[in-house]
Protein backbone atom coordinates (compact mmCIF):
# COMPACT_ATOMS: atom_id res chain seq x y z
CA MET A 1 340.70 340.98 9.62
CA VAL A 2 341.16 341.33 6.00
CA PRO A 3 339.00 339.11 3.40
CA SER A 4 341.15 337.00 1.17
CA SER A 5 341.17 337.54 -2.48
CA GLY A 6 338.82 334.99 -2.90
CA ARG A 7 336.17 336.27 -0.88
CA VAL A 8 336.31 339.89 -3.06
CA ASN A 9 336.38 338.00 -6.16
CA GLU A 10 333.13 336.48 -4.68
CA LEU A 11 331.97 339.96 -3.92
CA LEU A 12 332.83 341.10 -7.81
CA ALA A 13 330.77 338.14 -9.17
CA ARG A 14 327.76 339.72 -7.54
CA VAL A 15 328.09 343.17 -8.91
CA ASP A 16 325.34 344.00 -10.99
CA PHE A 17 327.12 345.32 -14.50
CA PRO A 18 324.79 346.92 -16.79
CA GLU A 19 324.25 345.62 -19.71
CA LEU A 20 325.57 347.86 -22.65
CA ARG A 21 323.12 348.30 -25.75
CA ILE A 22 324.20 349.91 -28.67
CA GLY A 23 321.70 352.61 -30.57
CA ALA A 24 321.57 353.49 -33.78
CA ASN A 25 320.32 356.34 -36.19
CA PRO A 26 319.18 356.61 -38.93
CA GLN A 27 317.24 353.30 -39.51
CA PRO A 28 318.50 352.26 -41.93
CA GLY A 29 321.68 353.61 -42.36
CA LEU A 30 322.56 355.08 -45.51
CA THR A 31 325.80 354.99 -47.95
CA GLY A 32 327.58 358.45 -47.90
CA LEU A 33 325.92 359.91 -44.67
CA PRO A 34 326.97 359.69 -41.29
CA SER A 35 325.01 357.36 -38.62
CA TRP A 36 325.00 358.16 -35.23
CA PHE A 37 325.50 355.71 -32.37
CA TRP A 38 325.46 355.76 -28.76
CA ILE A 39 325.15 353.33 -25.44
CA GLU A 40 322.14 352.57 -23.99
CA GLY A 41 321.90 351.05 -20.35
CA TYR A 42 325.15 352.91 -18.88
CA ASP A 43 325.82 356.88 -18.32
CA GLY A 44 329.76 355.82 -17.48
CA LYS A 45 329.67 356.55 -13.62
CA PRO A 46 331.13 354.55 -11.15
CA LEU A 47 329.44 351.34 -9.77
CA VAL A 48 329.96 351.21 -6.24
CA VAL A 49 329.03 348.15 -3.92
CA ARG A 50 329.45 348.33 0.26
CA ARG A 51 329.74 344.79 2.04
CA ALA A 52 329.58 345.43 5.68
CA ALA A 53 329.95 342.97 8.69
CA PRO A 54 331.07 343.15 11.98
CA GLY A 55 334.00 344.94 12.50
CA ILE A 56 334.69 344.98 8.48
CA THR A 57 333.75 347.03 5.70
CA VAL A 58 334.69 346.08 1.96
CA ASP A 59 333.80 348.91 -1.20
CA ILE A 60 334.04 347.52 -4.28
CA GLU A 61 334.26 350.10 -7.29
CA VAL A 62 333.77 349.25 -10.66
CA ARG A 63 333.85 351.75 -14.13
CA ALA A 64 333.81 350.84 -17.65
CA GLY A 65 337.19 351.44 -19.72
CA PRO A 66 338.02 352.87 -22.77
CA LEU A 67 335.11 351.51 -25.48
CA THR A 68 336.07 350.33 -28.76
CA TRP A 69 334.10 350.78 -31.65
CA ASP A 70 334.27 348.28 -34.86
CA PHE A 71 331.50 349.00 -37.37
CA GLY A 72 331.57 346.32 -38.98
CA ASP A 73 333.32 347.51 -42.11
CA GLY A 74 336.88 346.96 -41.26
CA THR A 75 336.82 350.72 -39.40
CA VAL A 76 337.76 350.53 -35.62
CA VAL A 77 338.13 353.05 -33.27
CA VAL A 78 338.01 354.06 -29.51
CA ALA A 79 335.43 356.40 -28.62
CA GLY A 80 333.52 357.54 -25.91
CA TYR A 81 329.43 356.72 -25.11
CA GLY A 82 328.24 358.74 -28.26
CA ARG A 83 324.50 360.97 -27.60
CA PRO A 84 321.39 359.47 -28.22
CA TYR A 85 319.63 360.67 -30.91
CA PRO A 86 318.53 363.69 -31.77
CA GLU A 87 321.48 365.24 -30.28
CA PRO A 88 324.66 364.77 -32.56
CA SER A 89 326.51 361.95 -31.38
CA ASP A 90 330.53 362.02 -31.20
CA VAL A 91 330.90 358.11 -32.26
CA ALA A 92 329.55 358.81 -35.92
CA HIS A 93 330.56 356.65 -38.83
CA THR A 94 329.85 356.99 -42.48
CA TYR A 95 329.36 353.88 -44.64
CA GLU A 96 330.81 353.54 -48.20
CA ARG A 97 328.96 350.12 -49.23
CA ARG A 98 325.40 348.80 -48.67
CA GLY A 99 324.63 345.72 -46.83
CA THR A 100 324.11 344.59 -43.25
CA HIS A 101 326.66 345.12 -40.96
CA THR A 102 327.56 344.16 -37.19
CA VAL A 103 328.48 346.63 -35.20
CA THR A 104 330.19 345.64 -32.31
CA VAL A 105 331.78 347.43 -28.61
CA ARG A 106 334.23 345.81 -26.48
CA TYR A 107 334.99 347.11 -23.31
CA ALA A 108 335.95 346.14 -19.70
CA PHE A 109 334.84 347.09 -16.10
CA THR A 110 337.78 347.99 -14.29
CA ALA A 111 337.51 347.09 -10.43
CA ARG A 112 339.32 347.88 -7.68
CA TYR A 113 338.38 347.35 -3.37
CA ARG A 114 339.42 348.94 -0.14
CA VAL A 115 338.73 347.69 3.25
CA ASN A 116 338.08 349.92 5.74
CA GLY A 117 338.61 352.77 4.23
CA ALA A 118 342.54 351.77 3.59
CA ALA A 119 343.96 352.08 0.34
CA TRP A 120 341.93 350.93 -2.58
CA ALA A 121 343.74 347.73 -4.56
CA GLU A 122 343.21 346.78 -8.30
CA LEU A 123 341.05 343.27 -8.86
CA ASP A 124 340.89 341.74 -12.61
CA ALA A 125 339.28 343.73 -15.28
CA VAL A 126 335.89 342.12 -16.58
CA GLY A 127 335.29 342.60 -20.20
CA ARG A 128 332.13 342.76 -22.00
CA VAL A 129 330.83 343.16 -25.66
CA ALA A 130 327.83 344.46 -26.95
CA SER A 131 326.63 344.44 -30.63
CA ARG A 132 323.86 345.16 -32.94
CA THR A 133 323.79 344.23 -36.50
CA TYR A 134 322.83 347.68 -38.66
CA PRO A 135 321.20 347.63 -42.24
CA VAL A 136 322.53 350.19 -44.56
CA ARG A 137 321.32 351.14 -48.03
CA GLU A 138 322.50 352.48 -50.99
CA VAL A 139 321.74 356.25 -52.22
CA ARG A 140 322.02 357.05 -55.77
CA SER A 141 320.92 360.29 -57.44
CA LEU A 142 318.68 360.11 -60.50
CA LEU A 143 318.84 363.65 -62.37
CA THR A 144 315.87 364.38 -64.40
CA GLY A 145 315.94 366.85 -66.85
């Protein structure tokens, strides 16, 4: 007995998707200096859910796809998860203007399933968005003599 796509989507709806949060350093950001960003709450490893009943086992595997970072000043890049401070993050951005920016990450969890160990079949992606405000202050040098 193969479960209907509706039953598989019902199982997918029960997957406990992690809520991604955006970490940043420094706090607040400073114009002209790189700000580092990273994801908290998920390490990128696949989530696997297995449901079994007499004569049938359904595996669902879910993983996050590429992350699209929007730094709130018109700069949008596709990048990874970054690394938390104090490590240098590979997700960095230098702001040119002060202000409060909304940093947003858009991503989708791709999902697939299999029944009784057979070939994997794809399911619809589950889109998510995480955002935070990030204040940036202006730094000015002052020469004294």
